Amino acid sequence: MDLKIFSNTNIEEQLKQIRSKDLNELFSKNDLSQNELNQFNIDDLECDRIFHIEDIKKTCIDYRLRFLDSRYFKSKIPQAAFDEINRLNALHNTRLGDYKIMAPSKLFKLKDYDDPLLFAPIGNGYYYLIHKWGKDLHPFRKLMMWPFKSISNLFVLILLLSCFATSLTPIQLFSKSNDWSVYWMIYFFMFKAIASVVIFYGFALGKNFNPAIWNSKYNKS
């Protein structure tokens, strides 16, 4: 059995795996519109640290992460990140700014570390990874966040939970006959009960689906 599937998720490696954009688009001198604050020297950029906004968005949606301005980040940014910023400033003869951080929602509200990544925009929708710190994500975070990607995913989860709950329920408690009509009656009851709890939880806590929150600065989402 491959124990690697139980290892924590390195979100930087996940970004590299789903990289979908051709970097030639970025390095095209005629098509490059760099951020006003970040005038990088193209020849000194490290390709494995460059990511397109669409890849960042997909990763955030898959793992229920946020990609927000660094000013919303409430945890402590380590000195190593500032050291790397100073190194890049000297290397590219610039002054970096307009930073973005990718991290779980709780890190924009609570003081806890869980694999934040610090980026600076380059231009053409690309971002340069400056520094990664903290521990990696839970190995099953992507699977656990799957129901929150869309309402159809959540509906499938409710159906599966209803089936599981029905299978654990002794049919003899409700009827002496062991036929399918009793099973479906119990299943429908379980479905309504679980769906009601999910809807109440969602509205009470102001929850929303991953595509709606990946770059949202509001807490109630």
Protein backbone atom coordinates (compact mmCIF):
# COMPACT_ATOMS: atom_id res chain seq x y z
CA MET A 1 0.00 0.00 0.00
CA ASP A 2 1.39 3.39 -1.01
CA LEU A 3 1.60 5.48 2.15
CA LYS A 4 2.23 8.64 0.11
CA ILE A 5 -1.53 9.11 -0.28
CA PHE A 6 -1.68 9.78 3.47
CA SER A 7 1.07 12.41 3.45
CA ASN A 8 0.17 16.05 3.89
CA THR A 9 -0.57 18.14 0.80
CA ASN A 10 2.09 20.58 -0.34
CA ILE A 11 0.01 23.23 -2.07
CA GLU A 12 3.00 24.58 -4.01
CA GLU A 13 3.49 21.15 -5.59
CA GLN A 14 -0.21 20.96 -6.43
CA LEU A 15 0.06 24.29 -8.22
CA LYS A 16 2.98 23.02 -10.27
CA GLN A 17 1.09 19.87 -11.24
CA ILE A 18 -1.92 21.71 -12.65
CA ARG A 19 0.08 24.46 -14.38
CA SER A 20 -1.83 24.93 -17.64
CA LYS A 21 -0.47 28.12 -19.19
CA ASP A 22 2.47 28.35 -21.54
CA LEU A 23 5.07 30.68 -20.04
CA ASN A 24 5.98 31.88 -23.51
CA GLU A 25 2.87 34.03 -23.20
CA LEU A 26 4.48 35.82 -20.26
CA PHE A 27 7.94 36.14 -21.77
CA SER A 28 6.68 37.65 -24.99
CA LYS A 29 8.26 41.13 -24.89
CA ASN A 30 5.50 42.59 -27.07
CA ASP A 31 2.70 41.24 -24.89
CA LEU A 32 4.16 41.92 -21.43
CA SER A 33 2.28 44.43 -19.29
CA GLN A 34 3.94 44.27 -15.90
CA ASN A 35 2.45 45.48 -12.65
CA GLU A 36 3.38 49.11 -11.94
CA LEU A 37 5.02 48.21 -8.64
CA ASN A 38 6.83 45.06 -9.72
CA GLN A 39 9.27 45.61 -12.58
CA PHE A 40 10.92 42.19 -12.71
CA ASN A 41 13.97 41.41 -14.80
CA ILE A 42 12.57 38.67 -17.06
CA ASP A 43 15.95 36.95 -17.43
CA ASP A 44 16.23 36.45 -13.65
CA LEU A 45 12.77 34.95 -13.09
CA GLU A 46 12.59 31.30 -11.97
CA CYS A 47 10.00 29.54 -14.14
CA ASP A 48 8.92 27.07 -11.45
CA ARG A 49 7.78 29.99 -9.28
CA ILE A 50 5.47 31.54 -11.88
CA PHE A 51 1.74 30.70 -11.80
CA HIS A 52 -1.23 31.97 -13.76
CA ILE A 53 -4.31 33.32 -11.97
CA GLU A 54 -6.48 30.55 -13.49
CA ASP A 55 -4.27 27.86 -11.91
CA ILE A 56 -4.31 29.71 -8.59
CA LYS A 57 -8.11 29.97 -8.79
CA LYS A 58 -8.54 26.26 -9.54
CA THR A 59 -6.31 25.28 -6.62
CA CYS A 60 -8.18 27.61 -4.27
CA ILE A 61 -11.52 26.12 -5.33
CA ASP A 62 -10.30 22.52 -5.02
CA TYR A 63 -8.87 23.03 -1.52
CA ARG A 64 -11.21 25.81 -0.30
CA LEU A 65 -8.44 28.39 0.03
CA ARG A 66 -8.45 32.15 -0.36
CA PHE A 67 -6.24 34.38 -2.50
CA LEU A 68 -6.32 37.85 -0.96
CA ASP A 69 -4.23 40.97 -0.49
CA SER A 70 -1.62 40.49 2.21
CA ARG A 71 -3.23 43.23 4.33
CA TYR A 72 -6.10 40.85 5.14
CA PHE A 73 -3.73 38.19 6.47
CA LYS A 74 -3.99 38.11 10.27
CA SER A 75 -1.21 35.65 11.10
CA LYS A 76 2.47 36.50 11.37
CA ILE A 77 4.50 36.52 8.16
CA PRO A 78 7.92 34.96 8.92
CA GLN A 79 11.18 36.84 8.63
CA ALA A 80 12.29 34.41 5.89
CA ALA A 81 9.59 35.88 3.62
CA PHE A 82 10.89 39.41 4.18
CA ASP A 83 14.44 38.20 3.57
CA GLU A 84 13.33 36.74 0.24
CA ILE A 85 11.58 39.99 -0.68
CA ASN A 86 14.79 41.92 0.01
CA ARG A 87 16.79 39.43 -2.09
CA LEU A 88 14.38 39.80 -5.01
CA ASN A 89 14.38 43.58 -4.69
CA ALA A 90 18.15 43.58 -5.02
CA LEU A 91 18.22 40.98 -7.81
CA HIS A 92 15.62 42.75 -9.96
CA ASN A 93 16.54 46.30 -8.91
CA THR A 94 12.93 47.02 -7.97
CA ARG A 95 10.66 47.46 -4.98
CA LEU A 96 8.05 44.71 -4.78
CA GLY A 97 4.52 45.38 -3.60
CA ASP A 98 0.85 44.55 -4.10
CA TYR A 99 1.37 41.19 -2.41
CA LYS A 100 -1.19 38.37 -2.40
CA ILE A 101 -1.41 35.41 -0.05
CA MET A 102 -3.01 32.01 -0.69
CA ALA A 103 -4.12 30.29 2.51
CA PRO A 104 -7.13 28.69 4.26
CA SER A 105 -9.90 31.12 5.24
CA LYS A 106 -9.14 30.80 8.94
CA LEU A 107 -5.69 32.35 8.47
CA PHE A 108 -7.32 35.58 7.42
CA LYS A 109 -9.14 35.62 10.78
CA LEU A 110 -7.26 33.42 13.24
CA LYS A 111 -3.64 33.12 14.32
CA ASP A 112 -2.74 29.66 13.06
CA TYR A 113 -0.34 28.34 10.40
CA ASP A 114 -1.50 26.11 7.53
CA ASP A 115 0.64 26.37 4.38
CA PRO A 116 0.36 30.05 3.31
CA LEU A 117 1.99 31.14 0.02
CA LEU A 118 3.10 34.73 -0.65
CA PHE A 119 2.84 36.02 -4.26
CA ALA A 120 3.58 39.22 -6.17
CA PRO A 121 1.93 40.02 -9.53
CA ILE A 122 4.11 40.02 -12.65
CA GLY A 123 1.65 40.91 -15.39
CA ASN A 124 -0.56 39.18 -17.95
CA GLY A 125 -2.43 37.45 -15.13
CA TYR A 126 0.74 35.78 -13.77
CA TYR A 127 1.99 35.78 -10.19
CA TYR A 128 5.47 35.09 -8.81
CA LEU A 129 5.74 32.87 -5.75
CA ILE A 130 7.96 34.63 -3.22
CA HIS A 131 7.79 32.37 -0.18
CA LYS A 132 5.94 29.41 1.33
CA TRP A 133 5.87 28.67 5.04
CA GLY A 134 3.99 26.72 7.70
CA LYS A 135 2.92 23.10 7.65
CA ASP A 136 1.32 21.38 4.67
CA LEU A 137 -2.41 20.85 4.30
CA HIS A 138 -4.27 17.76 5.54
CA PRO A 139 -3.84 14.91 3.01
CA PHE A 140 -7.61 14.60 2.56
CA ARG A 141 -8.41 18.31 2.46
CA LYS A 142 -9.27 18.24 -1.26
CA LEU A 143 -11.68 15.35 -0.69
CA MET A 144 -13.20 16.98 2.39
CA MET A 145 -13.74 20.24 0.50
CA TRP A 146 -15.27 18.50 -2.55
CA PRO A 147 -18.90 18.96 -1.35
CA PHE A 148 -18.35 22.72 -1.13
CA LYS A 149 -17.31 23.12 -4.78
CA SER A 150 -20.90 23.26 -6.07
CA ILE A 151 -24.52 22.66 -5.08
CA SER A 152 -24.58 19.47 -7.19
CA ASN A 153 -21.62 18.07 -5.23
CA LEU A 154 -23.38 18.89 -1.97
CA PHE A 155 -26.58 17.23 -3.23
CA VAL A 156 -24.66 14.04 -4.05
CA LEU A 157 -23.16 14.03 -0.55
CA ILE A 158 -26.62 14.39 1.04
CA LEU A 159 -27.89 11.48 -1.08
CA LEU A 160 -24.99 9.28 0.03
CA LEU A 161 -25.38 10.23 3.70
CA SER A 162 -29.10 9.52 3.48
CA CYS A 163 -28.40 6.09 2.01
CA PHE A 164 -25.87 5.36 4.76
CA ALA A 165 -28.23 6.50 7.53
CA THR A 166 -31.09 4.45 6.07
CA SER A 167 -28.94 1.31 5.95
CA LEU A 168 -28.21 1.72 9.67
CA THR A 169 -31.89 2.10 10.58
CA PRO A 170 -33.72 -1.12 11.63
CA ILE A 171 -36.76 -1.30 9.31
CA GLN A 172 -38.53 -3.49 11.90
CA LEU A 173 -39.01 -0.42 14.07
CA PHE A 174 -41.40 1.04 11.50
CA SER A 175 -43.03 -1.96 9.84
CA LYS A 176 -43.35 -5.72 10.20
CA SER A 177 -43.02 -6.15 6.45
CA ASN A 178 -39.57 -5.84 4.95
CA ASP A 179 -40.41 -4.36 1.54
CA TRP A 180 -38.93 -1.60 -0.59
CA SER A 181 -41.74 0.88 0.10
CA VAL A 182 -40.72 1.04 3.77
CA TYR A 183 -37.06 1.47 2.80
CA TRP A 184 -37.82 4.40 0.50
CA MET A 185 -40.07 5.98 3.11
CA ILE A 186 -37.23 5.89 5.64
CA TYR A 187 -34.77 7.07 2.99
CA PHE A 188 -36.96 10.07 2.15
CA PHE A 189 -37.25 10.92 5.84
CA MET A 190 -33.45 10.73 6.28
CA PHE A 191 -32.91 12.86 3.18
CA LYS A 192 -35.21 15.61 4.47
CA ALA A 193 -33.60 15.53 7.93
CA ILE A 194 -30.01 15.73 6.64
CA ALA A 195 -30.87 18.33 3.99
CA SER A 196 -32.59 20.47 6.65
CA VAL A 197 -29.50 20.34 8.89
CA VAL A 198 -27.20 21.24 5.98
CA ILE A 199 -29.39 24.15 4.87
CA PHE A 200 -29.70 25.46 8.45
CA TYR A 201 -25.94 25.17 8.97
CA GLY A 202 -25.24 26.95 5.69
CA PHE A 203 -27.59 29.87 6.37
CA ALA A 204 -26.73 30.17 10.07
CA LEU A 205 -23.00 30.46 9.44
CA GLY A 206 -23.26 32.34 6.17
CA LYS A 207 -21.41 29.65 4.21
CA ASN A 208 -20.92 29.76 0.47
CA PHE A 209 -19.41 27.53 -2.22
CA ASN A 210 -15.70 27.53 -3.07
CA PRO A 211 -15.97 29.39 -6.42
CA ALA A 212 -17.69 32.29 -4.64
CA ILE A 213 -15.13 32.77 -1.86
CA TRP A 214 -11.66 32.03 -3.29
CA ASN A 215 -10.93 35.77 -3.69
CA SER A 216 -13.59 37.17 -1.34
CA LYS A 217 -12.46 39.41 1.54
CA TYR A 218 -15.69 38.96 3.51
CA ASN A 219 -15.78 36.71 6.60
CA LYS A 220 -19.32 35.43 6.13
CA SER A 221 -18.66 33.22 3.14
